[in-house]
Amino acid sequence: MNLREKYNIPANAVITIAGTVGVGKSTMTNALSQSLNFRTSYEKVDTNPYLDKFYDDFEKWSFHLQIYFLAERFKEQKRIFEYGGGFIQDRSIYEDTGIFAKMHYDKGTMSPTDYETYTNLFDAMVMTPYFPHPDLLVYLEGPIDDVIGRIQERGREMEQQTPHTYWQEMHGRYEDWINNFNACPVLRIDINDYDLMKNPDQVEDVVARIGYMLEQTSHLRK
């Protein structure tokens, strides 16, 4: 019996991994997909035409970046459900507006006009009864010092050049966001409770928690 069957996880489930930069979303996505024999949906970072420009000039490129992410994630969400589920998704579409666009608006690096245009578009595309929401959002969280340590360890140049105050602000905004999130059920996992790189077998503990949460919230699933 595989882990999906052992913990009664539906074969058509869609599970989204969320959390601030550096918490290990991609590692968790890969581990769960292998354990459950699910497809993966990763955030497109390397092919993003705006990302490098954005880190050089937040104010000039924040709107372009958010529109690109919204379009790509919306298309990907449709693809996942057209396949019939059975996916682990790296980062949710909800973080785009709840974290990133709002942060740039609040800090003045996205104009009020651009922010209004973006949020109106997001609401029209995502916040409707027709949008296919995931069955579960797994939220990875941990202390800010541990998160910054992980960002430094993985060594992406554009992230290394970003001030620590930016990551600290994002960390706080993520906590506020998840505390008020209600688009789908949430399972919160502390990144210090496991180390999937050193101990890959620990993924079973995560799968067990996912199975329990899906069972408890089965009445919310379509």
Protein backbone atom coordinates (compact mmCIF):
# COMPACT_ATOMS: atom_id res chain seq x y z
CA MET A 1 0.00 0.00 0.00
CA ASN A 2 1.39 3.41 -0.96
CA LEU A 3 1.21 6.48 1.27
CA ARG A 4 -1.71 8.01 -0.62
CA GLU A 5 -3.84 4.94 -0.02
CA LYS A 6 -2.53 4.44 3.52
CA TYR A 7 -3.72 7.89 4.58
CA ASN A 8 -6.88 7.98 2.42
CA ILE A 9 -5.84 10.92 0.26
CA PRO A 10 -8.11 11.18 -2.82
CA ALA A 11 -6.39 10.53 -6.15
CA ASN A 12 -7.87 13.76 -7.54
CA ALA A 13 -6.80 16.01 -4.66
CA VAL A 14 -5.11 19.34 -5.37
CA ILE A 15 -2.71 20.46 -2.63
CA THR A 16 -0.99 23.84 -2.73
CA ILE A 17 2.22 24.63 -0.84
CA ALA A 18 2.49 28.23 0.41
CA GLY A 19 4.94 30.28 2.45
CA THR A 20 7.46 33.06 2.21
CA VAL A 21 10.65 32.87 0.14
CA GLY A 22 13.13 30.34 1.51
CA VAL A 23 10.86 28.04 3.55
CA GLY A 24 11.32 25.05 1.24
CA LYS A 25 8.18 25.03 -0.90
CA SER A 26 9.87 23.35 -3.85
CA THR A 27 11.46 20.66 -1.67
CA MET A 28 8.10 19.92 -0.05
CA THR A 29 6.35 19.89 -3.42
CA ASN A 30 8.80 17.37 -4.83
CA ALA A 31 8.70 15.13 -1.74
CA LEU A 32 4.92 15.02 -1.60
CA SER A 33 4.53 14.42 -5.32
CA GLN A 34 6.83 11.40 -5.13
CA SER A 35 5.13 10.05 -2.00
CA LEU A 36 1.62 10.44 -3.38
CA ASN A 37 2.43 9.78 -7.05
CA PHE A 38 0.96 13.19 -7.92
CA ARG A 39 1.97 15.56 -10.71
CA THR A 40 3.80 18.76 -9.79
CA SER A 41 3.18 22.38 -10.64
CA TYR A 42 6.18 24.60 -9.97
CA GLU A 43 6.44 28.36 -9.99
CA LYS A 44 8.12 29.54 -13.19
CA VAL A 45 11.09 31.56 -11.93
CA ASP A 46 13.87 30.95 -14.45
CA THR A 47 11.67 31.79 -17.46
CA ASN A 48 10.09 34.89 -15.91
CA PRO A 49 11.07 37.84 -18.14
CA TYR A 50 10.45 40.43 -15.41
CA LEU A 51 12.07 38.96 -12.30
CA ASP A 52 15.62 40.27 -12.73
CA LYS A 53 14.32 43.67 -13.80
CA PHE A 54 12.00 43.72 -10.78
CA TYR A 55 14.82 43.17 -8.29
CA ASP A 56 16.74 46.03 -9.91
CA ASP A 57 13.80 48.46 -9.79
CA PHE A 58 10.75 47.51 -7.69
CA GLU A 59 8.78 50.63 -8.56
CA LYS A 60 9.15 50.31 -12.32
CA TRP A 61 8.46 46.60 -12.65
CA SER A 62 6.20 45.53 -9.76
CA PHE A 63 2.96 45.84 -11.75
CA HIS A 64 4.39 43.99 -14.77
CA LEU A 65 5.65 41.19 -12.54
CA GLN A 66 2.32 40.75 -10.76
CA ILE A 67 0.32 40.69 -13.99
CA TYR A 68 2.70 38.06 -15.40
CA PHE A 69 2.36 35.88 -12.29
CA LEU A 70 -1.42 36.23 -12.25
CA ALA A 71 -1.75 35.16 -15.89
CA GLU A 72 0.64 32.22 -15.51
CA ARG A 73 -0.90 30.95 -12.28
CA PHE A 74 -4.44 31.28 -13.63
CA LYS A 75 -3.53 29.24 -16.72
CA GLU A 76 -1.81 26.66 -14.55
CA GLN A 77 -4.78 26.38 -12.20
CA LYS A 78 -7.05 25.66 -15.14
CA ARG A 79 -4.61 23.05 -16.46
CA ILE A 80 -4.45 21.27 -13.10
CA PHE A 81 -8.20 20.85 -12.87
CA GLU A 82 -8.56 19.95 -16.55
CA TYR A 83 -6.21 17.03 -15.80
CA GLY A 84 -8.62 15.97 -13.07
CA GLY A 85 -6.48 16.86 -10.06
CA GLY A 86 -3.78 14.75 -8.47
CA PHE A 87 -1.35 17.69 -8.16
CA ILE A 88 1.03 19.28 -5.68
CA GLN A 89 1.36 22.98 -6.46
CA ASP A 90 4.34 25.16 -5.54
CA ARG A 91 2.95 28.53 -4.33
CA SER A 92 -0.66 29.66 -4.48
CA ILE A 93 -2.32 32.25 -6.65
CA TYR A 94 -3.71 33.91 -3.50
CA GLU A 95 -0.28 35.07 -2.34
CA ASP A 96 0.07 37.31 -5.38
CA THR A 97 -2.55 39.78 -4.23
CA GLY A 98 -2.57 39.11 -0.48
CA ILE A 99 1.19 39.50 -0.07
CA PHE A 100 3.17 40.88 -2.98
CA ALA A 101 0.89 43.37 -4.71
CA LYS A 102 -0.36 44.75 -1.40
CA MET A 103 3.17 45.11 -0.03
CA HIS A 104 4.28 47.12 -3.04
CA TYR A 105 1.18 49.29 -2.87
CA ASP A 106 1.70 49.96 0.85
CA LYS A 107 5.39 50.77 0.33
CA GLY A 108 4.75 53.03 -2.64
CA THR A 109 6.46 50.81 -5.21
CA MET A 110 3.15 50.18 -7.00
CA SER A 111 0.95 53.14 -7.85
CA PRO A 112 -2.65 53.33 -6.57
CA THR A 113 -3.91 53.12 -10.16
CA ASP A 114 -1.85 50.03 -10.94
CA TYR A 115 -2.86 48.39 -7.66
CA GLU A 116 -6.55 49.02 -8.30
CA THR A 117 -6.25 47.64 -11.83
CA TYR A 118 -4.43 44.56 -10.56
CA THR A 119 -6.82 43.80 -7.69
CA ASN A 120 -9.89 44.31 -9.90
CA LEU A 121 -8.47 41.84 -12.39
CA PHE A 122 -7.56 39.36 -9.64
CA ASP A 123 -11.05 39.52 -8.12
CA ALA A 124 -12.70 39.02 -11.52
CA MET A 125 -10.50 36.01 -12.32
CA VAL A 126 -10.05 34.28 -8.96
CA MET A 127 -12.57 35.39 -6.36
CA THR A 128 -15.57 33.84 -8.08
CA PRO A 129 -17.57 30.63 -7.53
CA TYR A 130 -16.23 29.32 -10.83
CA PHE A 131 -12.55 29.40 -9.91
CA PRO A 132 -11.25 25.92 -8.90
CA HIS A 133 -9.80 26.33 -5.41
CA PRO A 134 -7.42 23.67 -4.05
CA ASP A 135 -8.56 21.06 -1.53
CA LEU A 136 -5.85 22.06 0.94
CA LEU A 137 -3.22 24.76 1.38
CA VAL A 138 -0.13 23.58 3.26
CA TYR A 139 1.48 26.63 4.86
CA LEU A 140 5.19 26.35 5.70
CA GLU A 141 6.32 28.69 8.45
CA GLY A 142 9.32 29.33 10.66
CA PRO A 143 11.31 32.03 12.50
CA ILE A 144 12.59 34.85 10.31
CA ASP A 145 16.25 34.14 11.17
CA ASP A 146 15.89 30.57 9.91
CA VAL A 147 14.16 31.77 6.74
CA ILE A 148 16.93 34.31 5.96
CA GLY A 149 19.53 31.62 6.63
CA ARG A 150 17.92 29.38 4.03
CA ILE A 151 17.77 32.21 1.49
CA GLN A 152 21.49 32.85 1.97
CA GLU A 153 22.28 29.15 1.76
CA ARG A 154 20.65 28.63 -1.63
CA GLY A 155 22.58 31.56 -3.06
CA ARG A 156 20.35 33.10 -5.74
CA GLU A 157 22.17 36.28 -6.69
CA MET A 158 19.13 38.53 -6.98
CA GLU A 159 17.97 37.40 -3.52
CA GLN A 160 21.41 37.93 -1.99
CA GLN A 161 21.31 41.57 -3.06
CA THR A 162 17.93 42.15 -1.44
CA PRO A 163 18.07 43.84 2.02
CA HIS A 164 17.12 41.70 5.03
CA THR A 165 14.45 44.26 5.89
CA TYR A 166 12.58 43.21 2.74
CA TRP A 167 12.47 39.56 3.86
CA GLN A 168 11.49 40.61 7.39
CA GLU A 169 8.61 42.67 6.04
CA MET A 170 7.47 39.83 3.80
CA HIS A 171 7.64 37.35 6.69
CA GLY A 172 5.35 39.52 8.81
CA ARG A 173 2.93 40.03 5.96
CA TYR A 174 2.74 36.29 5.36
CA GLU A 175 1.79 35.71 8.98
CA ASP A 176 -0.94 38.35 8.78
CA TRP A 177 -2.17 36.92 5.49
CA ILE A 178 -2.42 33.29 6.60
CA ASN A 179 -4.17 34.26 9.83
CA ASN A 180 -6.98 35.74 7.74
CA PHE A 181 -6.98 33.30 4.82
CA ASN A 182 -10.22 31.38 4.22
CA ALA A 183 -10.37 30.47 0.52
CA CYS A 184 -9.68 26.79 1.34
CA PRO A 185 -8.64 24.65 4.35
CA VAL A 186 -5.13 25.29 5.75
CA LEU A 187 -2.55 22.98 7.33
CA ARG A 188 0.28 24.88 9.05
CA ILE A 189 3.68 23.14 9.29
CA ASP A 190 6.77 24.46 11.10
CA ILE A 191 9.88 24.08 8.93
CA ASN A 192 11.91 23.13 12.03
CA ASP A 193 9.74 20.06 12.64
CA TYR A 194 11.39 18.14 9.80
CA ASP A 195 14.34 18.14 7.37
CA LEU A 196 13.34 16.45 4.14
CA MET A 197 16.78 16.94 2.62
CA LYS A 198 18.53 14.98 5.38
CA ASN A 199 15.61 12.73 6.39
CA PRO A 200 13.34 12.14 3.38
CA ASP A 201 11.33 9.51 5.28
CA GLN A 202 9.90 12.31 7.42
CA VAL A 203 7.58 13.10 4.54
CA GLU A 204 5.27 10.37 5.82
CA ASP A 205 4.52 12.47 8.89
CA VAL A 206 3.48 15.32 6.61
CA VAL A 207 1.36 12.99 4.46
CA ALA A 208 -0.37 11.67 7.58
CA ARG A 209 -1.27 15.21 8.66
CA ILE A 210 -2.53 16.04 5.17
CA GLY A 211 -4.70 12.93 5.13
CA TYR A 212 -6.17 13.78 8.52
CA MET A 213 -6.89 17.38 7.49
CA LEU A 214 -8.52 16.34 4.21
CA GLU A 215 -10.71 13.87 6.06
CA GLN A 216 -11.76 16.51 8.59
CA THR A 217 -12.60 19.04 5.87
CA SER A 218 -14.07 16.65 3.30
CA HIS A 219 -17.45 18.38 3.51
CA LEU A 220 -15.85 21.55 2.13
CA ARG A 221 -14.51 19.87 -1.00
CA LYS A 222 -16.47 19.88 -4.20
